[in-house]
N, C-alpha and C. Protein backbone atom coordinates (compact mmCIF):
# COMPACT_ATOMS: atom_id res chain seq x y z
N MET A 1 107.09 77.38 94.84
CA MET A 1 105.69 77.02 94.62
C MET A 1 105.49 76.47 93.41
N SER A 2 104.54 75.29 93.79
CA SER A 2 104.48 73.89 92.95
C SER A 2 104.11 74.95 91.89
N LEU A 3 103.89 74.07 90.87
CA LEU A 3 103.61 74.70 89.45
C LEU A 3 102.19 74.76 89.42
N GLU A 4 101.34 73.31 89.90
CA GLU A 4 99.65 72.47 89.96
C GLU A 4 99.42 74.20 91.11
N ASP A 5 100.72 74.47 92.52
CA ASP A 5 99.50 75.36 93.54
C ASP A 5 99.42 76.35 92.82
N LYS A 6 100.05 76.98 91.65
CA LYS A 6 100.37 78.62 91.18
C LYS A 6 99.10 78.64 89.56
N ALA A 7 98.75 77.76 89.36
CA ALA A 7 98.35 77.67 88.31
C ALA A 7 97.19 77.70 89.11
N LYS A 8 96.22 77.28 90.08
CA LYS A 8 95.14 77.14 91.38
C LYS A 8 95.00 78.07 90.95
N ALA A 9 95.69 79.11 92.20
CA ALA A 9 95.90 80.50 92.57
C ALA A 9 95.21 81.43 90.97
N THR A 10 96.12 81.31 90.39
CA THR A 10 96.28 82.10 89.12
C THR A 10 94.39 81.86 88.47
N ALA A 11 94.03 80.64 88.60
CA ALA A 11 92.75 80.66 88.12
C ALA A 11 92.11 81.05 88.95
N LYS A 12 91.62 81.09 90.65
CA LYS A 12 90.62 81.59 91.07
C LYS A 12 91.36 83.21 91.35
N ASN A 13 92.29 84.11 90.50
CA ASN A 13 92.55 85.55 90.48
C ASN A 13 91.47 85.40 89.30
N ILE A 14 91.53 85.15 87.82
CA ILE A 14 91.15 85.28 86.77
C ILE A 14 89.56 84.92 86.91
N GLU A 15 89.14 83.70 87.66
CA GLU A 15 87.55 83.47 88.07
C GLU A 15 87.82 85.17 88.79
N GLY A 16 87.78 85.16 89.32
CA GLY A 16 87.79 86.96 90.53
C GLY A 16 86.89 88.03 89.70
N LYS A 17 88.13 87.93 89.43
CA LYS A 17 88.16 88.90 88.16
C LYS A 17 87.59 89.30 86.88
N ALA A 18 86.96 88.39 86.48
CA ALA A 18 85.74 87.76 85.85
C ALA A 18 84.03 88.18 86.24
N GLN A 19 84.33 87.54 87.68
CA GLN A 19 83.44 87.83 88.36
C GLN A 19 82.73 89.07 89.28
N GLU A 20 83.98 89.84 89.25
CA GLU A 20 83.99 91.14 89.78
C GLU A 20 83.50 91.56 88.67
N ALA A 21 83.38 91.53 86.56
CA ALA A 21 83.51 92.34 85.63
C ALA A 21 81.54 92.29 85.86
N LEU A 22 81.18 91.53 85.27
CA LEU A 22 80.22 90.83 85.84
C LEU A 22 79.30 91.50 86.65
N GLY A 23 79.51 91.26 88.10
CA GLY A 23 79.02 92.08 88.86
C GLY A 23 78.97 93.72 88.43
N ASN A 24 80.11 94.14 87.66
CA ASN A 24 80.01 95.62 87.50
C ASN A 24 79.48 95.95 86.08
N VAL A 25 79.11 94.28 85.27
CA VAL A 25 78.09 95.27 84.08
C VAL A 25 76.49 94.87 84.54
N THR A 26 76.84 93.94 85.78
CA THR A 26 75.28 93.73 85.47
C THR A 26 74.60 94.56 86.49
N GLY A 27 75.50 95.54 87.31
CA GLY A 27 75.34 95.79 88.10
C GLY A 27 74.92 95.42 89.62
N ASP A 28 75.33 93.80 90.03
CA ASP A 28 75.41 93.24 91.17
C ASP A 28 76.40 93.83 91.75
N PRO A 29 76.42 93.92 93.52
CA PRO A 29 77.13 94.50 94.03
C PRO A 29 78.04 93.64 94.70
N GLU A 30 76.76 91.83 94.32
CA GLU A 30 77.41 90.83 95.84
C GLU A 30 78.33 90.00 94.45
N ASP A 31 77.88 90.26 93.22
CA ASP A 31 78.95 89.53 92.12
C ASP A 31 80.57 90.39 92.02
N LYS A 32 80.51 91.61 92.85
CA LYS A 32 81.74 92.38 92.91
C LYS A 32 82.47 91.81 94.11
N ALA A 33 81.36 91.81 95.16
CA ALA A 33 82.37 91.65 96.28
C ALA A 33 82.84 89.63 96.10
N LYS A 34 82.24 89.57 95.90
CA LYS A 34 82.62 88.09 95.81
C LYS A 34 84.00 87.15 95.11
N GLY A 35 84.23 88.30 93.50
CA GLY A 35 85.27 88.31 92.45
C GLY A 35 85.46 89.40 93.27
N LYS A 36 86.24 90.26 93.91
CA LYS A 36 87.15 90.56 94.83
C LYS A 36 87.39 90.12 95.88
N ALA A 37 86.81 89.20 96.62
CA ALA A 37 87.57 88.22 98.04
C ALA A 37 87.02 86.70 97.02
N LYS A 38 87.51 86.69 95.50
CA LYS A 38 88.78 85.53 95.41
C LYS A 38 89.91 85.34 94.62
N GLN A 39 89.90 87.33 94.38
CA GLN A 39 90.95 87.54 94.03
C GLN A 39 92.35 87.99 95.69
N ALA A 40 90.75 88.04 96.72
CA ALA A 40 92.27 88.03 97.13
C ALA A 40 92.47 86.75 98.09
N GLU A 41 91.71 85.93 97.58
CA GLU A 41 92.42 84.27 98.36
C GLU A 41 93.76 83.96 97.75
N SER A 42 93.56 84.55 96.26
CA SER A 42 94.57 84.22 95.30
C SER A 42 95.88 84.48 95.43
N ALA A 43 95.91 86.29 96.03
CA ALA A 43 96.63 86.57 96.66
C ALA A 43 97.71 86.13 98.06
N VAL A 44 96.33 86.26 98.65
CA VAL A 44 96.87 85.10 100.31
C VAL A 44 97.67 83.79 100.06
N ARG A 45 97.32 83.20 98.73
CA ARG A 45 97.55 81.60 98.39
C ARG A 45 99.35 81.64 97.55
N HIS A 46 99.11 82.92 96.95
CA HIS A 46 100.38 82.74 95.96
C HIS A 46 101.40 83.81 97.68
N GLY A 47 101.05 84.27 97.84
CA GLY A 47 102.30 84.86 99.74
C GLY A 47 102.39 83.97 99.26
N LEU A 48 101.90 83.20 100.78
CA LEU A 48 102.13 81.73 101.43
C LEU A 48 103.47 80.57 101.00
N GLU A 49 102.75 80.27 99.32
CA GLU A 49 103.78 79.43 98.43
C GLU A 49 105.07 80.50 98.06
N ASP A 50 104.92 81.37 98.42
CA ASP A 50 106.32 82.23 98.10
C ASP A 50 106.75 82.52 99.56
N VAL A 51 106.86 82.15 100.74
CA VAL A 51 106.71 82.04 102.11
C VAL A 51 107.29 80.64 101.91
N LYS A 52 106.86 79.55 101.54
CA LYS A 52 106.93 78.63 101.54
C LYS A 52 108.89 78.02 100.78
N ASP A 53 107.99 79.12 99.61
CA ASP A 53 110.05 78.49 98.37
C ASP A 53 110.84 79.54 99.06
N ASN A 54 110.58 80.33 99.86
CA ASN A 54 111.40 81.18 100.07
C ASN A 54 112.26 80.41 101.57
N VAL A 55 111.33 79.51 102.42
CA VAL A 55 111.73 78.84 103.35
C VAL A 55 112.77 78.28 102.82
N LYS A 56 112.18 77.35 101.55
CA LYS A 56 112.77 75.82 101.49
C LYS A 56 114.71 76.73 100.21
N LYS A 57 114.27 77.69 100.01
CA LYS A 57 115.54 78.32 99.17
C LYS A 57 116.82 78.48 100.30
N GLU A 58 115.88 78.95 101.59
CA GLU A 58 117.29 79.49 102.90
C GLU A 58 118.13 77.92 103.73
N LEU A 59 117.11 77.42 103.73
CA LEU A 59 116.58 75.85 104.30
C LEU A 59 118.55 74.94 103.41
N LYS A 60 118.19 75.33 102.01
CA LYS A 60 119.15 74.13 101.21
C LYS A 60 120.31 74.69 101.55
């Protein structure tokens, strides 16, 4: 996983956690849902990059 891609995925995860927390504080279910969606997107990005890394290792 490139450092830049990893940083972007981590930033998206942090953004999602913050938005979910804001939704919890304000009671806004839309913010909570959007925050969880951002966290899920981050997990998918991390997973894809891990697959890429493993393929690269196997091809060496």
